[in-house]
Amino acid sequence: MKQMSNINNTNVKHKAMNTPRKPATSKLVASFDNELQNILSQDLKAFMARNPFLMRKKQAMTTTLSVA
């Protein structure tokens, strides 16, 4: 009986040590959202730098809409 109680106490201690606190789900979602937004904005900037024609076309459309 004494051995069983020691085993149970050891298991409880290990479980407490092995379960680190996890951040709240909302914090994880916010962190993921911010990281995704940063990646997408960097990709868009790189894409627009490689395709200057698209930027000029966008500016031309904005000017045309402003005049009309």
C-alpha atoms as a PDB file:
ATOM      1  CA  MET A   1       0.000   0.000   0.000  1.00  0.00           C
ATOM      2  CA  LYS A   2       2.811   2.359   0.823  1.00  0.00           C
ATOM      3  CA  GLN A   3       4.381   1.865  -2.613  1.00  0.00           C
ATOM      4  CA  MET A   4       1.109   2.700  -4.365  1.00  0.00           C
ATOM      5  CA  SER A   5       0.762   5.994  -2.542  1.00  0.00           C
ATOM      6  CA  ASN A   6       4.317   6.964  -3.496  1.00  0.00           C
ATOM      7  CA  ILE A   7       3.623   6.162  -7.149  1.00  0.00           C
ATOM      8  CA  ASN A   8       0.438   8.227  -7.127  1.00  0.00           C
ATOM      9  CA  ASN A   9       2.192  11.201  -5.531  1.00  0.00           C
ATOM     10  CA  THR A  10       4.998  11.006  -8.095  1.00  0.00           C
ATOM     11  CA  ASN A  11       2.521  10.985 -10.980  1.00  0.00           C
ATOM     12  CA  VAL A  12       0.728  14.039  -9.643  1.00  0.00           C
ATOM     13  CA  LYS A  13       3.987  15.969  -9.321  1.00  0.00           C
ATOM     14  CA  HIS A  14       5.030  15.103 -12.879  1.00  0.00           C
ATOM     15  CA  LYS A  15       1.666  16.121 -14.313  1.00  0.00           C
ATOM     16  CA  ALA A  16       1.872  19.487 -12.592  1.00  0.00           C
ATOM     17  CA  MET A  17       5.397  20.060 -13.887  1.00  0.00           C
ATOM     18  CA  ASN A  18       4.688  18.897 -17.442  1.00  0.00           C
ATOM     19  CA  THR A  19       1.686  21.132 -18.103  1.00  0.00           C
ATOM     20  CA  PRO A  20       2.938  24.667 -18.741  1.00  0.00           C
ATOM     21  CA  ARG A  21       0.408  27.451 -18.786  1.00  0.00           C
ATOM     22  CA  LYS A  22      -0.992  28.059 -22.231  1.00  0.00           C
ATOM     23  CA  PRO A  23      -2.033  31.509 -23.414  1.00  0.00           C
ATOM     24  CA  ALA A  24      -5.696  32.197 -23.866  1.00  0.00           C
ATOM     25  CA  THR A  25      -7.183  31.238 -27.211  1.00  0.00           C
ATOM     26  CA  SER A  26      -8.016  34.851 -28.020  1.00  0.00           C
ATOM     27  CA  LYS A  27      -4.363  35.834 -27.549  1.00  0.00           C
ATOM     28  CA  LEU A  28      -3.277  33.057 -29.885  1.00  0.00           C
ATOM     29  CA  VAL A  29      -5.806  34.131 -32.507  1.00  0.00           C
ATOM     30  CA  ALA A  30      -4.732  37.777 -32.226  1.00  0.00           C
ATOM     31  CA  SER A  31      -1.072  36.813 -32.525  1.00  0.00           C
ATOM     32  CA  PHE A  32      -1.781  34.616 -35.553  1.00  0.00           C
ATOM     33  CA  ASP A  33      -3.855  37.382 -37.153  1.00  0.00           C
ATOM     34  CA  ASN A  34      -1.108  39.974 -36.670  1.00  0.00           C
ATOM     35  CA  GLU A  35       1.563  37.670 -38.048  1.00  0.00           C
ATOM     36  CA  LEU A  36      -0.557  36.752 -41.068  1.00  0.00           C
ATOM     37  CA  GLN A  37      -1.296  40.415 -41.772  1.00  0.00           C
ATOM     38  CA  ASN A  38       2.434  41.245 -41.652  1.00  0.00           C
ATOM     39  CA  ILE A  39       3.288  38.397 -44.023  1.00  0.00           C
ATOM     40  CA  LEU A  40       0.553  39.370 -46.483  1.00  0.00           C
ATOM     41  CA  SER A  41       1.531  43.051 -46.502  1.00  0.00           C
ATOM     42  CA  GLN A  42       5.196  42.138 -47.112  1.00  0.00           C
ATOM     43  CA  ASP A  43       4.179  39.844 -49.961  1.00  0.00           C
ATOM     44  CA  LEU A  44       1.993  42.551 -51.506  1.00  0.00           C
ATOM     45  CA  LYS A  45       4.806  45.114 -51.319  1.00  0.00           C
ATOM     46  CA  ALA A  46       7.216  42.665 -52.961  1.00  0.00           C
ATOM     47  CA  PHE A  47       4.665  41.811 -55.663  1.00  0.00           C
ATOM     48  CA  MET A  48       3.980  45.472 -56.452  1.00  0.00           C
ATOM     49  CA  ALA A  49       7.732  46.166 -56.608  1.00  0.00           C
ATOM     50  CA  ARG A  50       8.135  43.361 -59.178  1.00  0.00           C
ATOM     51  CA  ASN A  51       5.103  44.513 -61.201  1.00  0.00           C
ATOM     52  CA  PRO A  52       5.231  48.306 -61.539  1.00  0.00           C
ATOM     53  CA  PHE A  53       2.732  48.178 -64.431  1.00  0.00           C
ATOM     54  CA  LEU A  54      -0.026  47.237 -61.995  1.00  0.00           C
ATOM     55  CA  MET A  55       0.752  50.226 -59.808  1.00  0.00           C
ATOM     56  CA  ARG A  56       0.619  52.615 -62.782  1.00  0.00           C
ATOM     57  CA  LYS A  57      -2.635  51.053 -63.953  1.00  0.00           C
ATOM     58  CA  LYS A  58      -4.137  51.484 -60.490  1.00  0.00           C
ATOM     59  CA  GLN A  59      -3.047  55.141 -60.396  1.00  0.00           C
ATOM     60  CA  ALA A  60      -4.475  55.712 -63.885  1.00  0.00           C
ATOM     61  CA  MET A  61      -7.824  54.238 -62.854  1.00  0.00           C
ATOM     62  CA  THR A  62      -7.950  56.434 -59.735  1.00  0.00           C
ATOM     63  CA  THR A  63      -7.181  59.552 -61.800  1.00  0.00           C
ATOM     64  CA  THR A  64      -9.831  58.649 -64.366  1.00  0.00           C
ATOM     65  CA  LEU A  65     -12.433  58.111 -61.661  1.00  0.00           C
ATOM     66  CA  SER A  66     -11.545  61.418 -60.019  1.00  0.00           C
ATOM     67  CA  VAL A  67     -11.991  63.358 -63.265  1.00  0.00           C
ATOM     68  CA  ALA A  68     -15.299  61.731 -64.060  1.00  0.00           C
END
